[in-house]
Amino acid sequence: LFGVFTLLMLIGTPIAFCLGIASFATVLYLGLPPIVVFQQMN
């Protein structure tokens, strides 16, 4: 969660994409359904 967020931010990725990609990667690792990310965004 924090590693992907920090890495993306360090290479200049827009903050919204940093947050979204880090959330998506963590959800996949935890085995949760990816739709959770979009539900929380909504």
ModelCIF file with pLDDT and N, C-alpha, C, O atoms, coordinates in Angstrom:
data_MODEL
#
_entry.id   MODEL 
#
_entity.id                         1 
_entity.type                       polymer 
_entity.pdbx_number_of_molecules   1 
#
_entity_poly.entity_id                      1 
_entity_poly.type                           'polypeptide(L)' 
_entity_poly.nstd_linkage                   no 
_entity_poly.nstd_monomer                   no 
_entity_poly.pdbx_seq_one_letter_code       LFGVFTLLMLIGTPIAFCLGIASFATVLYLGLPPIVVFQQMN 
_entity_poly.pdbx_seq_one_letter_code_can   LFGVFTLLMLIGTPIAFCLGIASFATVLYLGLPPIVVFQQMN 
_entity_poly.pdbx_strand_id                 A 
#
loop_
_entity_poly_seq.entity_id 
_entity_poly_seq.num 
_entity_poly_seq.mon_id 
_entity_poly_seq.hetero 
1 1  LEU n 
1 2  PHE n 
1 3  GLY n 
1 4  VAL n 
1 5  PHE n 
1 6  THR n 
1 7  LEU n 
1 8  LEU n 
1 9  MET n 
1 10 LEU n 
1 11 ILE n 
1 12 GLY n 
1 13 THR n 
1 14 PRO n 
1 15 ILE n 
1 16 ALA n 
1 17 PHE n 
1 18 CYS n 
1 19 LEU n 
1 20 GLY n 
1 21 ILE n 
1 22 ALA n 
1 23 SER n 
1 24 PHE n 
1 25 ALA n 
1 26 THR n 
1 27 VAL n 
1 28 LEU n 
1 29 TYR n 
1 30 LEU n 
1 31 GLY n 
1 32 LEU n 
1 33 PRO n 
1 34 PRO n 
1 35 ILE n 
1 36 VAL n 
1 37 VAL n 
1 38 PHE n 
1 39 GLN n 
1 40 GLN n 
1 41 MET n 
1 42 ASN n 
#
_struct_asym.id          A 
_struct_asym.entity_id   1 
#
loop_
_ma_qa_metric.id 
_ma_qa_metric.mode 
_ma_qa_metric.name 
_ma_qa_metric.software_group_id 
_ma_qa_metric.type 
1 global pLDDT . pLDDT 
2 local  pLDDT . pLDDT 
#
_ma_qa_metric_global.metric_id      1 
_ma_qa_metric_global.metric_value   82.69 
_ma_qa_metric_global.model_id       1 
_ma_qa_metric_global.ordinal_id     1 
#
loop_
_ma_qa_metric_local.label_asym_id 
_ma_qa_metric_local.label_comp_id 
_ma_qa_metric_local.label_seq_id 
_ma_qa_metric_local.metric_id 
_ma_qa_metric_local.metric_value 
_ma_qa_metric_local.model_id 
_ma_qa_metric_local.ordinal_id 
A LEU 1  2 82.00 1 1  
A PHE 2  2 79.00 1 2  
A GLY 3  2 84.00 1 3  
A VAL 4  2 84.00 1 4  
A PHE 5  2 82.00 1 5  
A THR 6  2 81.00 1 6  
A LEU 7  2 86.00 1 7  
A LEU 8  2 84.00 1 8  
A MET 9  2 77.00 1 9  
A LEU 10 2 79.00 1 10 
A ILE 11 2 81.00 1 11 
A GLY 12 2 75.00 1 12 
A THR 13 2 79.00 1 13 
A PRO 14 2 79.00 1 14 
A ILE 15 2 75.00 1 15 
A ALA 16 2 79.00 1 16 
A PHE 17 2 84.00 1 17 
A CYS 18 2 84.00 1 18 
A LEU 19 2 83.00 1 19 
A GLY 20 2 85.00 1 20 
A ILE 21 2 88.00 1 21 
A ALA 22 2 87.00 1 22 
A SER 23 2 87.00 1 23 
A PHE 24 2 86.00 1 24 
A ALA 25 2 88.00 1 25 
A THR 26 2 87.00 1 26 
A VAL 27 2 87.00 1 27 
A LEU 28 2 85.00 1 28 
A TYR 29 2 84.00 1 29 
A LEU 30 2 84.00 1 30 
A GLY 31 2 83.00 1 31 
A LEU 32 2 83.00 1 32 
A PRO 33 2 85.00 1 33 
A PRO 34 2 81.00 1 34 
A ILE 35 2 85.00 1 35 
A VAL 36 2 83.00 1 36 
A VAL 37 2 82.00 1 37 
A PHE 38 2 82.00 1 38 
A GLN 39 2 83.00 1 39 
A GLN 40 2 80.00 1 40 
A MET 41 2 81.00 1 41 
A ASN 42 2 80.00 1 42 
#
loop_
_atom_site.group_PDB 
_atom_site.id 
_atom_site.type_symbol 
_atom_site.label_atom_id 
_atom_site.label_alt_id 
_atom_site.label_comp_id 
_atom_site.label_asym_id 
_atom_site.label_entity_id 
_atom_site.label_seq_id 
_atom_site.pdbx_PDB_ins_code 
_atom_site.Cartn_x 
_atom_site.Cartn_y 
_atom_site.Cartn_z 
_atom_site.occupancy 
_atom_site.B_iso_or_equiv 
_atom_site.pdbx_formal_charge 
_atom_site.auth_seq_id 
_atom_site.auth_comp_id 
_atom_site.auth_asym_id 
_atom_site.auth_atom_id 
_atom_site.pdbx_PDB_model_num 
ATOM 1   N N  . LEU A 1 1  ? 0.835   -1.217  0.000   1.00 82.00 ? 1  LEU A N  1 
ATOM 2   C CA . LEU A 1 1  ? 0.000   0.000   0.000   1.00 82.00 ? 1  LEU A CA 1 
ATOM 3   C C  . LEU A 1 1  ? 0.862   1.257   0.000   1.00 82.00 ? 1  LEU A C  1 
ATOM 4   O O  . LEU A 1 1  ? 0.704   2.127   -0.856  1.00 82.00 ? 1  LEU A O  1 
ATOM 5   N N  . PHE A 1 2  ? 1.770   1.345   0.962   1.00 79.00 ? 2  PHE A N  1 
ATOM 6   C CA . PHE A 1 2  ? 2.574   2.556   1.089   1.00 79.00 ? 2  PHE A CA 1 
ATOM 7   C C  . PHE A 1 2  ? 3.787   2.551   0.152   1.00 79.00 ? 2  PHE A C  1 
ATOM 8   O O  . PHE A 1 2  ? 4.232   3.606   -0.302  1.00 79.00 ? 2  PHE A O  1 
ATOM 9   N N  . GLY A 1 3  ? 4.315   1.361   -0.132  1.00 84.00 ? 3  GLY A N  1 
ATOM 10  C CA . GLY A 1 3  ? 5.473   1.273   -1.024  1.00 84.00 ? 3  GLY A CA 1 
ATOM 11  C C  . GLY A 1 3  ? 5.140   1.672   -2.453  1.00 84.00 ? 3  GLY A C  1 
ATOM 12  O O  . GLY A 1 3  ? 5.857   2.461   -3.067  1.00 84.00 ? 3  GLY A O  1 
ATOM 13  N N  . VAL A 1 4  ? 4.041   1.120   -2.985  1.00 84.00 ? 4  VAL A N  1 
ATOM 14  C CA . VAL A 1 4  ? 3.614   1.473   -4.343  1.00 84.00 ? 4  VAL A CA 1 
ATOM 15  C C  . VAL A 1 4  ? 3.279   2.957   -4.426  1.00 84.00 ? 4  VAL A C  1 
ATOM 16  O O  . VAL A 1 4  ? 3.653   3.629   -5.387  1.00 84.00 ? 4  VAL A O  1 
ATOM 17  N N  . PHE A 1 5  ? 2.568   3.470   -3.408  1.00 82.00 ? 5  PHE A N  1 
ATOM 18  C CA . PHE A 1 5  ? 2.210   4.887   -3.374  1.00 82.00 ? 5  PHE A CA 1 
ATOM 19  C C  . PHE A 1 5  ? 3.466   5.775   -3.399  1.00 82.00 ? 5  PHE A C  1 
ATOM 20  O O  . PHE A 1 5  ? 3.545   6.728   -4.174  1.00 82.00 ? 5  PHE A O  1 
ATOM 21  N N  . THR A 1 6  ? 4.445   5.448   -2.543  1.00 81.00 ? 6  THR A N  1 
ATOM 22  C CA . THR A 1 6  ? 5.669   6.255   -2.454  1.00 81.00 ? 6  THR A CA 1 
ATOM 23  C C  . THR A 1 6  ? 6.483   6.168   -3.741  1.00 81.00 ? 6  THR A C  1 
ATOM 24  O O  . THR A 1 6  ? 6.979   7.178   -4.241  1.00 81.00 ? 6  THR A O  1 
ATOM 25  N N  . LEU A 1 7  ? 6.616   4.951   -4.275  1.00 86.00 ? 7  LEU A N  1 
ATOM 26  C CA . LEU A 1 7  ? 7.393   4.756   -5.505  1.00 86.00 ? 7  LEU A CA 1 
ATOM 27  C C  . LEU A 1 7  ? 6.807   5.549   -6.664  1.00 86.00 ? 7  LEU A C  1 
ATOM 28  O O  . LEU A 1 7  ? 7.537   6.234   -7.381  1.00 86.00 ? 7  LEU A O  1 
ATOM 29  N N  . LEU A 1 8  ? 5.501   5.462   -6.851  1.00 84.00 ? 8  LEU A N  1 
ATOM 30  C CA . LEU A 1 8  ? 4.848   6.184   -7.942  1.00 84.00 ? 8  LEU A CA 1 
ATOM 31  C C  . LEU A 1 8  ? 4.970   7.694   -7.771  1.00 84.00 ? 8  LEU A C  1 
ATOM 32  O O  . LEU A 1 8  ? 5.151   8.425   -8.744  1.00 84.00 ? 8  LEU A O  1 
ATOM 33  N N  . MET A 1 9  ? 4.868   8.154   -6.519  1.00 77.00 ? 9  MET A N  1 
ATOM 34  C CA . MET A 1 9  ? 4.974   9.587   -6.263  1.00 77.00 ? 9  MET A CA 1 
ATOM 35  C C  . MET A 1 9  ? 6.389   10.090  -6.552  1.00 77.00 ? 9  MET A C  1 
ATOM 36  O O  . MET A 1 9  ? 6.568   11.191  -7.073  1.00 77.00 ? 9  MET A O  1 
ATOM 37  N N  . LEU A 1 10 ? 7.403   9.269   -6.208  1.00 79.00 ? 10 LEU A N  1 
ATOM 38  C CA . LEU A 1 10 ? 8.791   9.654   -6.428  1.00 79.00 ? 10 LEU A CA 1 
ATOM 39  C C  . LEU A 1 10 ? 9.130   9.782   -7.907  1.00 79.00 ? 10 LEU A C  1 
ATOM 40  O O  . LEU A 1 10 ? 9.979   10.592  -8.277  1.00 79.00 ? 10 LEU A O  1 
ATOM 41  N N  . ILE A 1 11 ? 8.478   8.995   -8.756  1.00 81.00 ? 11 ILE A N  1 
ATOM 42  C CA . ILE A 1 11 ? 8.764   9.057   -10.195 1.00 81.00 ? 11 ILE A CA 1 
ATOM 43  C C  . ILE A 1 11 ? 7.881   10.065  -10.920 1.00 81.00 ? 11 ILE A C  1 
ATOM 44  O O  . ILE A 1 11 ? 7.908   10.153  -12.147 1.00 81.00 ? 11 ILE A O  1 
ATOM 45  N N  . GLY A 1 12 ? 7.087   10.836  -10.145 1.00 75.00 ? 12 GLY A N  1 
ATOM 46  C CA . GLY A 1 12 ? 6.328   11.935  -10.721 1.00 75.00 ? 12 GLY A CA 1 
ATOM 47  C C  . GLY A 1 12 ? 4.930   11.614  -11.197 1.00 75.00 ? 12 GLY A C  1 
ATOM 48  O O  . GLY A 1 12 ? 4.353   12.384  -11.965 1.00 75.00 ? 12 GLY A O  1 
ATOM 49  N N  . THR A 1 13 ? 4.364   10.488  -10.760 1.00 79.00 ? 13 THR A N  1 
ATOM 50  C CA . THR A 1 13 ? 2.995   10.128  -11.136 1.00 79.00 ? 13 THR A CA 1 
ATOM 51  C C  . THR A 1 13 ? 2.009   11.051  -10.427 1.00 79.00 ? 13 THR A C  1 
ATOM 52  O O  . THR A 1 13 ? 2.185   11.336  -9.242  1.00 79.00 ? 13 THR A O  1 
ATOM 53  N N  . PRO A 1 14 ? 0.973   11.524  -11.124 1.00 79.00 ? 14 PRO A N  1 
ATOM 54  C CA . PRO A 1 14 ? -0.055  12.350  -10.449 1.00 79.00 ? 14 PRO A CA 1 
ATOM 55  C C  . PRO A 1 14 ? -0.612  11.654  -9.219  1.00 79.00 ? 14 PRO A C  1 
ATOM 56  O O  . PRO A 1 14 ? -0.810  10.439  -9.215  1.00 79.00 ? 14 PRO A O  1 
ATOM 57  N N  . ILE A 1 15 ? -0.864  12.437  -8.175  1.00 75.00 ? 15 ILE A N  1 
ATOM 58  C CA . ILE A 1 15 ? -1.209  11.890  -6.862  1.00 75.00 ? 15 ILE A CA 1 
ATOM 59  C C  . ILE A 1 15 ? -2.459  11.009  -6.909  1.00 75.00 ? 15 ILE A C  1 
ATOM 60  O O  . ILE A 1 15 ? -2.528  10.004  -6.201  1.00 75.00 ? 15 ILE A O  1 
ATOM 61  N N  . ALA A 1 16 ? -3.448  11.371  -7.734  1.00 79.00 ? 16 ALA A N  1 
ATOM 62  C CA . ALA A 1 16 ? -4.677  10.572  -7.818  1.00 79.00 ? 16 ALA A CA 1 
ATOM 63  C C  . ALA A 1 16 ? -4.370  9.163   -8.315  1.00 79.00 ? 16 ALA A C  1 
ATOM 64  O O  . ALA A 1 16 ? -4.923  8.187   -7.808  1.00 79.00 ? 16 ALA A O  1 
ATOM 65  N N  . PHE A 1 17 ? -3.482  9.056   -9.313  1.00 84.00 ? 17 PHE A N  1 
ATOM 66  C CA . PHE A 1 17 ? -3.109  7.740   -9.834  1.00 84.00 ? 17 PHE A CA 1 
ATOM 67  C C  . PHE A 1 17 ? -2.257  6.966   -8.837  1.00 84.00 ? 17 PHE A C  1 
ATOM 68  O O  . PHE A 1 17 ? -2.357  5.742   -8.754  1.00 84.00 ? 17 PHE A O  1 
ATOM 69  N N  . CYS A 1 18 ? -1.419  7.671   -8.079  1.00 84.00 ? 18 CYS A N  1 
ATOM 70  C CA . CYS A 1 18 ? -0.654  7.024   -7.013  1.00 84.00 ? 18 CYS A CA 1 
ATOM 71  C C  . CYS A 1 18 ? -1.583  6.326   -6.021  1.00 84.00 ? 18 CYS A C  1 
ATOM 72  O O  . CYS A 1 18 ? -1.378  5.165   -5.666  1.00 84.00 ? 18 CYS A O  1 
ATOM 73  N N  . LEU A 1 19 ? -2.594  7.047   -5.587  1.00 83.00 ? 19 LEU A N  1 
ATOM 74  C CA . LEU A 1 19 ? -3.537  6.516   -4.612  1.00 83.00 ? 19 LEU A CA 1 
ATOM 75  C C  . LEU A 1 19 ? -4.343  5.355   -5.193  1.00 83.00 ? 19 LEU A C  1 
ATOM 76  O O  . LEU A 1 19 ? -4.517  4.323   -4.546  1.00 83.00 ? 19 LEU A O  1 
ATOM 77  N N  . GLY A 1 20 ? -4.835  5.537   -6.429  1.00 85.00 ? 20 GLY A N  1 
ATOM 78  C CA . GLY A 1 20 ? -5.673  4.512   -7.047  1.00 85.00 ? 20 GLY A CA 1 
ATOM 79  C C  . GLY A 1 20 ? -4.918  3.227   -7.331  1.00 85.00 ? 20 GLY A C  1 
ATOM 80  O O  . GLY A 1 20 ? -5.416  2.143   -7.028  1.00 85.00 ? 20 GLY A O  1 
ATOM 81  N N  . ILE A 1 21 ? -3.723  3.325   -7.909  1.00 88.00 ? 21 ILE A N  1 
ATOM 82  C CA . ILE A 1 21 ? -2.932  2.136   -8.250  1.00 88.00 ? 21 ILE A CA 1 
ATOM 83  C C  . ILE A 1 21 ? -2.480  1.408   -6.989  1.00 88.00 ? 21 ILE A C  1 
ATOM 84  O O  . ILE A 1 21 ? -2.516  0.179   -6.933  1.00 88.00 ? 21 ILE A O  1 
ATOM 85  N N  . ALA A 1 22 ? -2.049  2.170   -5.966  1.00 87.00 ? 22 ALA A N  1 
ATOM 86  C CA . ALA A 1 22 ? -1.638  1.553   -4.694  1.00 87.00 ? 22 ALA A CA 1 
ATOM 87  C C  . ALA A 1 22 ? -2.806  0.804   -4.056  1.00 87.00 ? 22 ALA A C  1 
ATOM 88  O O  . ALA A 1 22 ? -2.633  -0.298  -3.536  1.00 87.00 ? 22 ALA A O  1 
ATOM 89  N N  . SER A 1 23 ? -3.986  1.401   -4.097  1.00 87.00 ? 23 SER A N  1 
ATOM 90  C CA . SER A 1 23 ? -5.184  0.750   -3.542  1.00 87.00 ? 23 SER A CA 1 
ATOM 91  C C  . SER A 1 23 ? -5.513  -0.531  -4.317  1.00 87.00 ? 23 SER A C  1 
ATOM 92  O O  . SER A 1 23 ? -5.815  -1.564  -3.719  1.00 87.00 ? 23 SER A O  1 
ATOM 93  N N  . PHE A 1 24 ? -5.453  -0.454  -5.654  1.00 86.00 ? 24 PHE A N  1 
ATOM 94  C CA . PHE A 1 24 ? -5.778  -1.600  -6.502  1.00 86.00 ? 24 PHE A CA 1 
ATOM 95  C C  . PHE A 1 24 ? -4.799  -2.755  -6.259  1.00 86.00 ? 24 PHE A C  1 
ATOM 96  O O  . PHE A 1 24 ? -5.205  -3.911  -6.140  1.00 86.00 ? 24 PHE A O  1 
ATOM 97  N N  . ALA A 1 25 ? -3.506  -2.425  -6.188  1.00 88.00 ? 25 ALA A N  1 
ATOM 98  C CA . ALA A 1 25 ? -2.488  -3.454  -5.959  1.00 88.00 ? 25 ALA A CA 1 
ATOM 99  C C  . ALA A 1 25 ? -2.689  -4.134  -4.605  1.00 88.00 ? 25 ALA A C  1 
ATOM 100 O O  . ALA A 1 25 ? -2.531  -5.350  -4.496  1.00 88.00 ? 25 ALA A O  1 
ATOM 101 N N  . THR A 1 26 ? -3.036  -3.365  -3.580  1.00 87.00 ? 26 THR A N  1 
ATOM 102 C CA . THR A 1 26 ? -3.233  -3.927  -2.234  1.00 87.00 ? 26 THR A CA 1 
ATOM 103 C C  . THR A 1 26 ? -4.464  -4.814  -2.179  1.00 87.00 ? 26 THR A C  1 
ATOM 104 O O  . THR A 1 26 ? -4.449  -5.868  -1.544  1.00 87.00 ? 26 THR A O  1 
ATOM 105 N N  . VAL A 1 27 ? -5.524  -4.388  -2.839  1.00 87.00 ? 27 VAL A N  1 
ATOM 106 C CA . VAL A 1 27 ? -6.757  -5.185  -2.892  1.00 87.00 ? 27 VAL A CA 1 
ATOM 107 C C  . VAL A 1 27 ? -6.495  -6.528  -3.568  1.00 87.00 ? 27 VAL A C  1 
ATOM 108 O O  . VAL A 1 27 ? -6.981  -7.559  -3.106  1.00 87.00 ? 27 VAL A O  1 
ATOM 109 N N  . LEU A 1 28 ? -5.729  -6.522  -4.659  1.00 85.00 ? 28 LEU A N  1 
ATOM 110 C CA . LEU A 1 28 ? -5.390  -7.765  -5.349  1.00 85.00 ? 28 LEU A CA 1 
ATOM 111 C C  . LEU A 1 28 ? -4.573  -8.687  -4.444  1.00 85.00 ? 28 LEU A C  1 
ATOM 112 O O  . LEU A 1 28 ? -4.799  -9.896  -4.415  1.00 85.00 ? 28 LEU A O  1 
ATOM 113 N N  . TYR A 1 29 ? -3.612  -8.103  -3.700  1.00 84.00 ? 29 TYR A N  1 
ATOM 114 C CA . TYR A 1 29 ? -2.796  -8.909  -2.790  1.00 84.00 ? 29 TYR A CA 1 
ATOM 115 C C  . TYR A 1 29 ? -3.641  -9.544  -1.688  1.00 84.00 ? 29 TYR A C  1 
ATOM 116 O O  . TYR A 1 29 ? -3.429  -10.700 -1.320  1.00 84.00 ? 29 TYR A O  1 
ATOM 117 N N  . LEU A 1 30 ? -4.598  -8.780  -1.166  1.00 84.00 ? 30 LEU A N  1 
ATOM 118 C CA . LEU A 1 30 ? -5.442  -9.274  -0.073  1.00 84.00 ? 30 LEU A CA 1 
ATOM 119 C C  . LEU A 1 30 ? -6.496  -10.273 -0.551  1.00 84.00 ? 30 LEU A C  1 
ATOM 120 O O  . LEU A 1 30 ? -7.159  -10.917 0.262   1.00 84.00 ? 30 LEU A O  1 
ATOM 121 N N  . GLY A 1 31 ? -6.649  -10.401 -1.872  1.00 83.00 ? 31 GLY A N  1 
ATOM 122 C CA . GLY A 1 31 ? -7.634  -11.324 -2.411  1.00 83.00 ? 31 GLY A CA 1 
ATOM 123 C C  . GLY A 1 31 ? -9.062  -10.800 -2.376  1.00 83.00 ? 31 GLY A C  1 
ATOM 124 O O  . GLY A 1 31 ? -10.012 -11.572 -2.507  1.00 83.00 ? 31 GLY A O  1 
ATOM 125 N N  . LEU A 1 32 ? -9.218  -9.481  -2.198  1.00 83.00 ? 32 LEU A N  1 
ATOM 126 C CA . LEU A 1 32 ? -10.544 -8.871  -2.202  1.00 83.00 ? 32 LEU A CA 1 
ATOM 127 C C  . LEU A 1 32 ? -10.985 -8.614  -3.642  1.00 83.00 ? 32 LEU A C  1 
ATOM 128 O O  . LEU A 1 32 ? -10.139 -8.476  -4.525  1.00 83.00 ? 32 LEU A O  1 
ATOM 129 N N  . PRO A 1 33 ? -12.283 -8.547  -3.893  1.00 85.00 ? 33 PRO A N  1 
ATOM 130 C CA . PRO A 1 33 ? -12.743 -8.249  -5.260  1.00 85.00 ? 33 PRO A CA 1 
ATOM 131 C C  . PRO A 1 33 ? -12.331 -6.829  -5.675  1.00 85.00 ? 33 PRO A C  1 
ATOM 132 O O  . PRO A 1 33 ? -12.568 -5.885  -4.922  1.00 85.00 ? 33 PRO A O  1 
ATOM 133 N N  . PRO A 1 34 ? -11.728 -6.662  -6.842  1.00 81.00 ? 34 PRO A N  1 
ATOM 134 C CA . PRO A 1 34 ? -11.247 -5.344  -7.287  1.00 81.00 ? 34 PRO A CA 1 
ATOM 135 C C  . PRO A 1 34 ? -12.329 -4.275  -7.328  1.00 81.00 ? 34 PRO A C  1 
ATOM 136 O O  . PRO A 1 34 ? -12.028 -3.085  -7.231  1.00 81.00 ? 34 PRO A O  1 
ATOM 137 N N  . ILE A 1 35 ? -13.594 -4.690  -7.473  1.00 85.00 ? 35 ILE A N  1 
ATOM 138 C CA . ILE A 1 35 ? -14.677 -3.706  -7.536  1.00 85.00 ? 35 ILE A CA 1 
ATOM 139 C C  . ILE A 1 35 ? -14.779 -2.873  -6.259  1.00 85.00 ? 35 ILE A C  1 
ATOM 140 O O  . ILE A 1 35 ? -15.358 -1.787  -6.261  1.00 85.00 ? 35 ILE A O  1 
ATOM 141 N N  . VAL A 1 36 ? -14.206 -3.394  -5.161  1.00 83.00 ? 36 VAL A N  1 
ATOM 142 C CA . VAL A 1 36 ? -14.201 -2.654  -3.895  1.00 83.00 ? 36 VAL A CA 1 
ATOM 143 C C  . VAL A 1 36 ? -13.571 -1.275  -4.073  1.00 83.00 ? 36 VAL A C  1 
ATOM 144 O O  . VAL A 1 36 ? -14.053 -0.292  -3.511  1.00 83.00 ? 36 VAL A O  1 
ATOM 145 N N  . VAL A 1 37 ? -12.490 -1.202  -4.857  1.00 82.00 ? 37 VAL A N  1 
ATOM 146 C CA . VAL A 1 37 ? -11.799 0.070   -5.092  1.00 82.00 ? 37 VAL A CA 1 
ATOM 147 C C  . VAL A 1 37 ? -12.756 1.076   -5.713  1.00 82.00 ? 37 VAL A C  1 
ATOM 148 O O  . VAL A 1 37 ? -12.817 2.230   -5.289  1.00 82.00 ? 37 VAL A O  1 
ATOM 149 N N  . PHE A 1 38 ? -13.505 0.630   -6.725  1.00 82.00 ? 38 PHE A N  1 
ATOM 150 C CA . PHE A 1 38 ? -14.407 1.540   -7.436  1.00 82.00 ? 38 PHE A CA 1 
ATOM 151 C C  . PHE A 1 38 ? -15.628 1.895   -6.590  1.00 82.00 ? 38 PHE A C  1 
ATOM 152 O O  . PHE A 1 38 ? -16.155 3.002   -6.694  1.00 82.00 ? 38 PHE A O  1 
ATOM 153 N N  . GLN A 1 39 ? -16.077 0.963   -5.757  1.00 83.00 ? 39 GLN A N  1 
ATOM 154 C CA . GLN A 1 39 ? -17.180 1.262   -4.840  1.00 83.00 ? 39 GLN A CA 1 
ATOM 155 C C  . GLN A 1 39 ? -16.784 2.353   -3.854  1.00 83.00 ? 39 GLN A C  1 
ATOM 156 O O  . GLN A 1 39 ? -17.556 3.272   -3.583  1.00 83.00 ? 39 GLN A O  1 
ATOM 157 N N  . GLN A 1 40 ? -15.583 2.242   -3.329  1.00 80.00 ? 40 GLN A N  1 
ATOM 158 C CA . GLN A 1 40 ? -15.109 3.247   -2.378  1.00 80.00 ? 40 GLN A CA 1 
ATOM 159 C C  . GLN A 1 40 ? -14.865 4.591   -3.067  1.00 80.00 ? 40 GLN A C  1 
ATOM 160 O O  . GLN A 1 40 ? -15.115 5.641   -2.474  1.00 80.00 ? 40 GLN A O  1 
ATOM 161 N N  . MET A 1 41 ? -14.381 4.571   -4.309  1.00 81.00 ? 41 MET A N  1 
ATOM 162 C CA . MET A 1 41 ? -14.221 5.806   -5.078  1.00 81.00 ? 41 MET A CA 1 
ATOM 163 C C  . MET A 1 41 ? -15.560 6.504   -5.245  1.00 81.00 ? 41 MET A C  1 
ATOM 164 O O  . MET A 1 41 ? -15.668 7.717   -5.071  1.00 81.00 ? 41 MET A O  1 
ATOM 165 N N  . ASN A 1 42 ? -16.581 5.722   -5.586  1.00 80.00 ? 42 ASN A N  1 
ATOM 166 C CA . ASN A 1 42 ? -17.918 6.288   -5.777  1.00 80.00 ? 42 ASN A CA 1 
ATOM 167 C C  . ASN A 1 42 ? -18.461 6.887   -4.485  1.00 80.00 ? 42 ASN A C  1 
ATOM 168 O O  . ASN A 1 42 ? -19.577 7.406   -4.466  1.00 80.00 ? 42 ASN A O  1 
#
